[in-house]
Structure formats: structure tokens, C-alpha cells
């Protein structure tokens, strides 16, 4: 029985190790997805800021032009 017990223990240890590997891989994928999502949020926010700045600059230019016409 010693050989069979050793084989059983080895198979259980291998199964446990494979399970841990799968869990770790799932966690790494989830972490990477979170990272990519956060990066996309930052890029969107930066684009929104640029759009707001361009809108502000255009409004200032329009108002300056209108003020020059009034003078």
C-alpha cells in the first residue's frame, strides 16, 4: 500500500498546485483588467479636460472679438 499512498499523495499535491495556479492566473487577469480600466478612465478624463480647455479658449476668443467690436 505504500506505493499507492505515495501516488495518491502526489496526485493530491499536484491537483492542489494546479488549483492554486488557476486561482493565481484568474487573479492576475482580474488585476490586469482593473489596471486597463483605470488607465482608460484616466485617458477619458484627460480628453475631457482638453475638450473643456478648448471650449474655454474658444469662448474667451469669441468674447474678446465681441468686445473689440463694441469699441
PDB file of N, CA and C in Angstrom:
ATOM      1  N   UNK A   1       0.802  -1.197   0.000  1.00  0.00           N
ATOM      2  CA  UNK A   1       0.000   0.000   0.000  1.00  0.00           C
ATOM      3  C   UNK A   1       0.845   1.262   0.000  1.00  0.00           C
ATOM      4  N   UNK A   2       2.076   1.180   0.381  1.00  0.00           N
ATOM      5  CA  UNK A   2       2.935   2.354   0.450  1.00  0.00           C
ATOM      6  C   UNK A   2       3.040   3.073  -0.885  1.00  0.00           C
ATOM      7  N   UNK A   3       3.204   2.313  -1.958  1.00  0.00           N
ATOM      8  CA  UNK A   3       3.332   2.923  -3.285  1.00  0.00           C
ATOM      9  C   UNK A   3       2.038   3.642  -3.681  1.00  0.00           C
ATOM     10  N   UNK A   4       0.909   3.016  -3.449  1.00  0.00           N
ATOM     11  CA  UNK A   4      -0.372   3.635  -3.798  1.00  0.00           C
ATOM     12  C   UNK A   4      -0.644   4.874  -2.960  1.00  0.00           C
ATOM     13  N   UNK A   5      -0.292   4.822  -1.686  1.00  0.00           N
ATOM     14  CA  UNK A   5      -0.468   6.004  -0.826  1.00  0.00           C
ATOM     15  C   UNK A   5       0.410   7.155  -1.307  1.00  0.00           C
ATOM     16  N   UNK A   6       1.642   6.839  -1.681  1.00  0.00           N
ATOM     17  CA  UNK A   6       2.544   7.871  -2.196  1.00  0.00           C
ATOM     18  C   UNK A   6       2.013   8.460  -3.503  1.00  0.00           C
ATOM     19  N   UNK A   7       1.499   7.619  -4.371  1.00  0.00           N
ATOM     20  CA  UNK A   7       0.952   8.094  -5.646  1.00  0.00           C
ATOM     21  C   UNK A   7      -0.275   8.963  -5.408  1.00  0.00           C
ATOM     22  N   UNK A   8      -1.112   8.536  -4.449  1.00  0.00           N
ATOM     23  CA  UNK A   8      -2.311   9.305  -4.113  1.00  0.00           C
ATOM     24  C   UNK A   8      -1.925  10.674  -3.557  1.00  0.00           C
ATOM     25  N   UNK A   9      -0.959  10.694  -2.641  1.00  0.00           N
ATOM     26  CA  UNK A   9      -0.484  11.956  -2.067  1.00  0.00           C
ATOM     27  C   UNK A   9       0.102  12.863  -3.144  1.00  0.00           C
ATOM     28  N   UNK A  10       0.865  12.290  -4.055  1.00  0.00           N
ATOM     29  CA  UNK A  10       1.464  13.075  -5.142  1.00  0.00           C
ATOM     30  C   UNK A  10       0.376  13.649  -6.047  1.00  0.00           C
ATOM     31  N   UNK A  11      -0.630  12.835  -6.345  1.00  0.00           N
ATOM     32  CA  UNK A  11      -1.725  13.306  -7.202  1.00  0.00           C
ATOM     33  C   UNK A  11      -2.499  14.422  -6.517  1.00  0.00           C
ATOM     34  N   UNK A  12      -2.758  14.299  -5.222  1.00  0.00           N
ATOM     35  CA  UNK A  12      -3.462  15.341  -4.474  1.00  0.00           C
ATOM     36  C   UNK A  12      -2.650  16.627  -4.436  1.00  0.00           C
ATOM     37  N   UNK A  13      -1.350  16.497  -4.208  1.00  0.00           N
ATOM     38  CA  UNK A  13      -0.476  17.678  -4.172  1.00  0.00           C
ATOM     39  C   UNK A  13      -0.434  18.357  -5.533  1.00  0.00           C
ATOM     40  N   UNK A  14      -0.379  17.555  -6.587  1.00  0.00           N
ATOM     41  CA  UNK A  14      -0.369  18.113  -7.941  1.00  0.00           C
ATOM     42  C   UNK A  14      -1.683  18.829  -8.233  1.00  0.00           C
ATOM     43  N   UNK A  15      -2.794  18.186  -7.849  1.00  0.00           N
ATOM     44  CA  UNK A  15      -4.102  18.812  -8.045  1.00  0.00           C
ATOM     45  C   UNK A  15      -4.222  20.120  -7.297  1.00  0.00           C
ATOM     46  N   UNK A  16      -3.723  20.144  -6.069  1.00  0.00           N
ATOM     47  CA  UNK A  16      -3.759  21.377  -5.275  1.00  0.00           C
ATOM     48  C   UNK A  16      -2.926  22.465  -5.934  1.00  0.00           C
ATOM     49  N   UNK A  17      -1.753  22.082  -6.402  1.00  0.00           N
ATOM     50  CA  UNK A  17      -0.858  23.050  -7.048  1.00  0.00           C
ATOM     51  C   UNK A  17      -1.503  23.611  -8.320  1.00  0.00           C
ATOM     52  N   UNK A  18      -2.150  22.747  -9.101  1.00  0.00           N
ATOM     53  CA  UNK A  18      -2.829  23.195 -10.322  1.00  0.00           C
ATOM     54  C   UNK A  18      -3.966  24.149  -9.962  1.00  0.00           C
ATOM     55  N   UNK A  19      -4.719  23.814  -8.924  1.00  0.00           N
ATOM     56  CA  UNK A  19      -5.801  24.687  -8.475  1.00  0.00           C
ATOM     57  C   UNK A  19      -5.288  26.056  -8.058  1.00  0.00           C
ATOM     58  N   UNK A  20      -4.185  26.080  -7.317  1.00  0.00           N
ATOM     59  CA  UNK A  20      -3.585  27.354  -6.908  1.00  0.00           C
ATOM     60  C   UNK A  20      -3.123  28.146  -8.119  1.00  0.00           C
ATOM     61  N   UNK A  21      -2.537  27.451  -9.097  1.00  0.00           N
ATOM     62  CA  UNK A  21      -2.074  28.119 -10.316  1.00  0.00           C
ATOM     63  C   UNK A  21      -3.247  28.752 -11.054  1.00  0.00           C
ATOM     64  N   UNK A  22      -4.351  28.024 -11.166  1.00  0.00           N
ATOM     65  CA  UNK A  22      -5.542  28.551 -11.843  1.00  0.00           C
ATOM     66  C   UNK A  22      -6.079  29.764 -11.095  1.00  0.00           C
ATOM     67  N   UNK A  23      -6.171  29.678  -9.774  1.00  0.00           N
ATOM     68  CA  UNK A  23      -6.655  30.805  -8.975  1.00  0.00           C
ATOM     69  C   UNK A  23      -5.755  32.021  -9.129  1.00  0.00           C
ATOM     70  N   UNK A  24      -4.437  31.800  -9.084  1.00  0.00           N
ATOM     71  CA  UNK A  24      -3.489  32.906  -9.256  1.00  0.00           C
ATOM     72  C   UNK A  24      -3.625  33.541 -10.635  1.00  0.00           C
ATOM     73  N   UNK A  25      -3.802  32.704 -11.653  1.00  0.00           N
ATOM     74  CA  UNK A  25      -3.939  33.217 -13.016  1.00  0.00           C
ATOM     75  C   UNK A  25      -5.214  34.045 -13.154  1.00  0.00           C
ATOM     76  N   UNK A  26      -6.312  33.551 -12.583  1.00  0.00           N
ATOM     77  CA  UNK A  26      -7.568  34.318 -12.627  1.00  0.00           C
ATOM     78  C   UNK A  26      -7.405  35.662 -11.930  1.00  0.00           C
ATOM     79  N   UNK A  27      -6.710  35.662 -10.808  1.00  0.00           N
ATOM     80  CA  UNK A  27      -6.497  36.901 -10.063  1.00  0.00           C
ATOM     81  C   UNK A  27      -5.612  37.872 -10.855  1.00  0.00           C
ATOM     82  N   UNK A  28      -4.574  37.352 -11.509  1.00  0.00           N
ATOM     83  CA  UNK A  28      -3.713  38.212 -12.330  1.00  0.00           C
ATOM     84  C   UNK A  28      -4.496  38.837 -13.484  1.00  0.00           C
ATOM     85  N   UNK A  29      -5.350  38.038 -14.112  1.00  0.00           N
ATOM     86  CA  UNK A  29      -6.160  38.553 -15.220  1.00  0.00           C
ATOM     87  C   UNK A  29      -7.110  39.640 -14.722  1.00  0.00           C
ATOM     88  N   UNK A  30      -7.726  39.404 -13.580  1.00  0.00           N
ATOM     89  CA  UNK A  30      -8.629  40.391 -12.989  1.00  0.00           C
ATOM     90  C   UNK A  30      -7.881  41.680 -12.647  1.00  0.00           C
ATOM     91  N   UNK A  31      -6.684  41.541 -12.075  1.00  0.00           N
ATOM     92  CA  UNK A  31      -5.868  42.711 -11.742  1.00  0.00           C
ATOM     93  C   UNK A  31      -5.515  43.501 -12.992  1.00  0.00           C
ATOM     94  N   UNK A  32      -5.144  42.800 -14.059  1.00  0.00           N
ATOM     95  CA  UNK A  32      -4.779  43.472 -15.304  1.00  0.00           C
ATOM     96  C   UNK A  32      -5.990  44.184 -15.898  1.00  0.00           C
ATOM     97  N   UNK A  33      -7.163  43.541 -15.836  1.00  0.00           N
ATOM     98  CA  UNK A  33      -8.383  44.167 -16.342  1.00  0.00           C
ATOM     99  C   UNK A  33      -8.693  45.435 -15.552  1.00  0.00           C
ATOM    100  N   UNK A  34      -8.534  45.392 -14.239  1.00  0.00           N
ATOM    101  CA  UNK A  34      -8.747  46.576 -13.403  1.00  0.00           C
ATOM    102  C   UNK A  34      -7.773  47.687 -13.787  1.00  0.00           C
ATOM    103  N   UNK A  35      -6.518  47.306 -14.011  1.00  0.00           N
ATOM    104  CA  UNK A  35      -5.494  48.278 -14.389  1.00  0.00           C
ATOM    105  C   UNK A  35      -5.827  48.940 -15.723  1.00  0.00           C
ATOM    106  N   UNK A  36      -6.241  48.149 -16.699  1.00  0.00           N
ATOM    107  CA  UNK A  36      -6.584  48.693 -18.008  1.00  0.00           C
ATOM    108  C   UNK A  36      -7.818  49.593 -17.929  1.00  0.00           C
ATOM    109  N   UNK A  37      -8.780  49.207 -17.108  1.00  0.00           N
ATOM    110  CA  UNK A  37      -9.984  50.018 -16.933  1.00  0.00           C
ATOM    111  C   UNK A  37      -9.628  51.372 -16.304  1.00  0.00           C
ATOM    112  N   UNK A  38      -8.770  51.346 -15.288  1.00  0.00           N
ATOM    113  CA  UNK A  38      -8.348  52.584 -14.639  1.00  0.00           C
ATOM    114  C   UNK A  38      -7.587  53.478 -15.616  1.00  0.00           C
ATOM    115  N   UNK A  39      -6.736  52.876 -16.430  1.00  0.00           N
ATOM    116  CA  UNK A  39      -5.987  53.651 -17.424  1.00  0.00           C
ATOM    117  C   UNK A  39      -6.933  54.289 -18.441  1.00  0.00           C
ATOM    118  N   UNK A  40      -7.953  53.549 -18.848  1.00  0.00           N
ATOM    119  CA  UNK A  40      -8.944  54.100 -19.781  1.00  0.00           C
ATOM    120  C   UNK A  40      -9.688  55.271 -19.143  1.00  0.00           C
ATOM    121  N   UNK A  41     -10.006  55.154 -17.851  1.00  0.00           N
ATOM    122  CA  UNK A  41     -10.670  56.259 -17.148  1.00  0.00           C
ATOM    123  C   UNK A  41      -9.791  57.505 -17.125  1.00  0.00           C
ATOM    124  N   UNK A  42      -8.497  57.313 -16.902  1.00  0.00           N
ATOM    125  CA  UNK A  42      -7.566  58.450 -16.876  1.00  0.00           C
ATOM    126  C   UNK A  42      -7.503  59.109 -18.250  1.00  0.00           C
ATOM    127  N   UNK A  43      -7.399  58.299 -19.298  1.00  0.00           N
ATOM    128  CA  UNK A  43      -7.328  58.857 -20.654  1.00  0.00           C
ATOM    129  C   UNK A  43      -8.603  59.606 -21.005  1.00  0.00           C
ATOM    130  N   UNK A  44      -9.758  59.090 -20.592  1.00  0.00           N
ATOM    131  CA  UNK A  44     -11.021  59.774 -20.855  1.00  0.00           C
ATOM    132  C   UNK A  44     -11.061  61.106 -20.109  1.00  0.00           C
ATOM    133  N   UNK A  45     -10.622  61.089 -18.854  1.00  0.00           N
ATOM    134  CA  UNK A  45     -10.604  62.318 -18.059  1.00  0.00           C
ATOM    135  C   UNK A  45      -9.669  63.353 -18.689  1.00  0.00           C
ATOM    136  N   UNK A  46      -8.513  62.900 -19.162  1.00  0.00           N
ATOM    137  CA  UNK A  46      -7.584  63.827 -19.813  1.00  0.00           C
ATOM    138  C   UNK A  46      -8.207  64.408 -21.075  1.00  0.00           C
ATOM    139  N   UNK A  47      -8.907  63.597 -21.844  1.00  0.00           N
ATOM    140  CA  UNK A  47      -9.569  64.079 -23.055  1.00  0.00           C
ATOM    141  C   UNK A  47     -10.666  65.071 -22.697  1.00  0.00           C
ATOM    142  N   UNK A  48     -11.397  64.793 -21.628  1.00  0.00           N
ATOM    143  CA  UNK A  48     -12.450  65.713 -21.183  1.00  0.00           C
ATOM    144  C   UNK A  48     -11.866  67.063 -20.776  1.00  0.00           C
ATOM    145  N   UNK A  49     -10.720  67.029 -20.099  1.00  0.00           N
ATOM    146  CA  UNK A  49     -10.064  68.272 -19.681  1.00  0.00           C
ATOM    147  C   UNK A  49      -9.627  69.060 -20.913  1.00  0.00           C
ATOM    148  N   UNK A  50      -9.028  68.381 -21.888  1.00  0.00           N
ATOM    149  CA  UNK A  50      -8.594  69.072 -23.104  1.00  0.00           C
ATOM    150  C   UNK A  50      -9.782  69.693 -23.827  1.00  0.00           C
ATOM    151  N   UNK A  51     -10.885  68.968 -23.878  1.00  0.00           N
ATOM    152  CA  UNK A  51     -12.091  69.488 -24.535  1.00  0.00           C
ATOM    153  C   UNK A  51     -12.607  70.717 -23.788  1.00  0.00           C
ATOM    154  N   UNK A  52     -12.630  70.655 -22.461  1.00  0.00           N
ATOM    155  CA  UNK A  52     -13.095  71.782 -21.656  1.00  0.00           C
ATOM    156  C   UNK A  52     -12.176  72.992 -21.834  1.00  0.00           C
ATOM    157  N   UNK A  53     -10.870  72.758 -21.878  1.00  0.00           N
ATOM    158  CA  UNK A  53      -9.923  73.861 -22.083  1.00  0.00           C
ATOM    159  C   UNK A  53     -10.107  74.486 -23.455  1.00  0.00           C
ATOM    160  N   UNK A  54     -10.316  73.663 -24.467  1.00  0.00           N
ATOM    161  CA  UNK A  54     -10.533  74.189 -25.820  1.00  0.00           C
ATOM    162  C   UNK A  54     -11.820  75.000 -25.864  1.00  0.00           C
ATOM    163  N   UNK A  55     -12.851  74.521 -25.206  1.00  0.00           N
ATOM    164  CA  UNK A  55     -14.115  75.249 -25.157  1.00  0.00           C
ATOM    165  C   UNK A  55     -13.933  76.595 -24.441  1.00  0.00           C
ATOM    166  N   UNK A  56     -13.194  76.582 -23.336  1.00  0.00           N
ATOM    167  CA  UNK A  56     -12.911  77.815 -22.607  1.00  0.00           C
ATOM    168  C   UNK A  56     -12.147  78.804 -23.479  1.00  0.00           C
ATOM    169  N   UNK A  57     -11.110  78.331 -24.158  1.00  0.00           N
ATOM    170  CA  UNK A  57     -10.309  79.201 -25.006  1.00  0.00           C
ATOM    171  C   UNK A  57     -11.139  79.780 -26.143  1.00  0.00           C
ATOM    172  N   UNK A  58     -12.003  78.957 -26.734  1.00  0.00           N
ATOM    173  CA  UNK A  58     -12.856  79.433 -27.827  1.00  0.00           C
ATOM    174  C   UNK A  58     -13.832  80.482 -27.316  1.00  0.00           C
ATOM    175  N   UNK A  59     -14.376  80.279 -26.140  1.00  0.00           N
ATOM    176  CA  UNK A  59     -15.311  81.246 -25.560  1.00  0.00           C
ATOM    177  C   UNK A  59     -14.607  82.555 -25.248  1.00  0.00           C
ATOM    178  N   UNK A  60     -13.411  82.468 -24.693  1.00  0.00           N
ATOM    179  CA  UNK A  60     -12.642  83.689 -24.409  1.00  0.00           C
ATOM    180  C   UNK A  60     -12.336  84.446 -25.697  1.00  0.00           C
ATOM    181  N   UNK A  61     -11.933  83.732 -26.740  1.00  0.00           N
ATOM    182  CA  UNK A  61     -11.618  84.372 -28.021  1.00  0.00           C
ATOM    183  C   UNK A  61     -12.865  85.034 -28.603  1.00  0.00           C
ATOM    184  N   UNK A  62     -14.000  84.351 -28.531  1.00  0.00           N
ATOM    185  CA  UNK A  62     -15.255  84.913 -29.039  1.00  0.00           C
ATOM    186  C   UNK A  62     -15.620  86.178 -28.268  1.00  0.00           C
ATOM    187  N   UNK A  63     -15.490  86.122 -26.929  1.00  0.00           N
ATOM    188  CA  UNK A  63     -15.834  87.282 -26.108  1.00  0.00           C
ATOM    189  C   UNK A  63     -14.889  88.454 -26.359  1.00  0.00           C
ATOM    190  N   UNK A  64     -13.617  88.175 -26.531  1.00  0.00           N
ATOM    191  CA  UNK A  64     -12.661  89.244 -26.846  1.00  0.00           C
ATOM    192  C   UNK A  64     -12.999  89.883 -28.197  1.00  0.00           C
ATOM    193  N   UNK A  65     -13.334  89.065 -29.182  1.00  0.00           N
ATOM    194  CA  UNK A  65     -13.700  89.578 -30.502  1.00  0.00           C
ATOM    195  C   UNK A  65     -14.938  90.463 -30.401  1.00  0.00           C
ATOM    196  N   UNK A  66     -15.937  90.021 -29.657  1.00  0.00           N
ATOM    197  CA  UNK A  66     -17.160  90.800 -29.497  1.00  0.00           C
ATOM    198  C   UNK A  66     -16.872  92.107 -28.763  1.00  0.00           C
ATOM    199  N   UNK A  67     -15.983  92.051 -27.768  1.00  0.00           N
ATOM    200  CA  UNK A  67     -15.621  93.263 -27.031  1.00  0.00           C
ATOM    201  C   UNK A  67     -14.892  94.247 -27.950  1.00  0.00           C
ATOM    202  N   UNK A  68     -14.035  93.743 -28.814  1.00  0.00           N
ATOM    203  CA  UNK A  68     -13.330  94.611 -29.762  1.00  0.00           C
ATOM    204  C   UNK A  68     -14.318  95.270 -30.709  1.00  0.00           C
ATOM    205  N   UNK A  69     -15.352  94.580 -31.120  1.00  0.00           N
ATOM    206  CA  UNK A  69     -16.365  95.147 -31.988  1.00  0.00           C
ATOM    207  C   UNK A  69     -17.132  96.257 -31.297  1.00  0.00           C
ATOM    208  N   UNK A  70     -17.314  96.121 -29.996  1.00  0.00           N
ATOM    209  CA  UNK A  70     -18.055  97.141 -29.238  1.00  0.00           C
ATOM    210  C   UNK A  70     -17.254  98.435 -29.107  1.00  0.00           C
ATOM    211  N   UNK A  71     -15.959  98.361 -29.187  1.00  0.00           N
ATOM    212  CA  UNK A  71     -15.116  99.546 -29.008  1.00  0.00           C
ATOM    213  C   UNK A  71     -14.925 100.299 -30.276  1.00  0.00           C
TER     214      UNK A  71
END
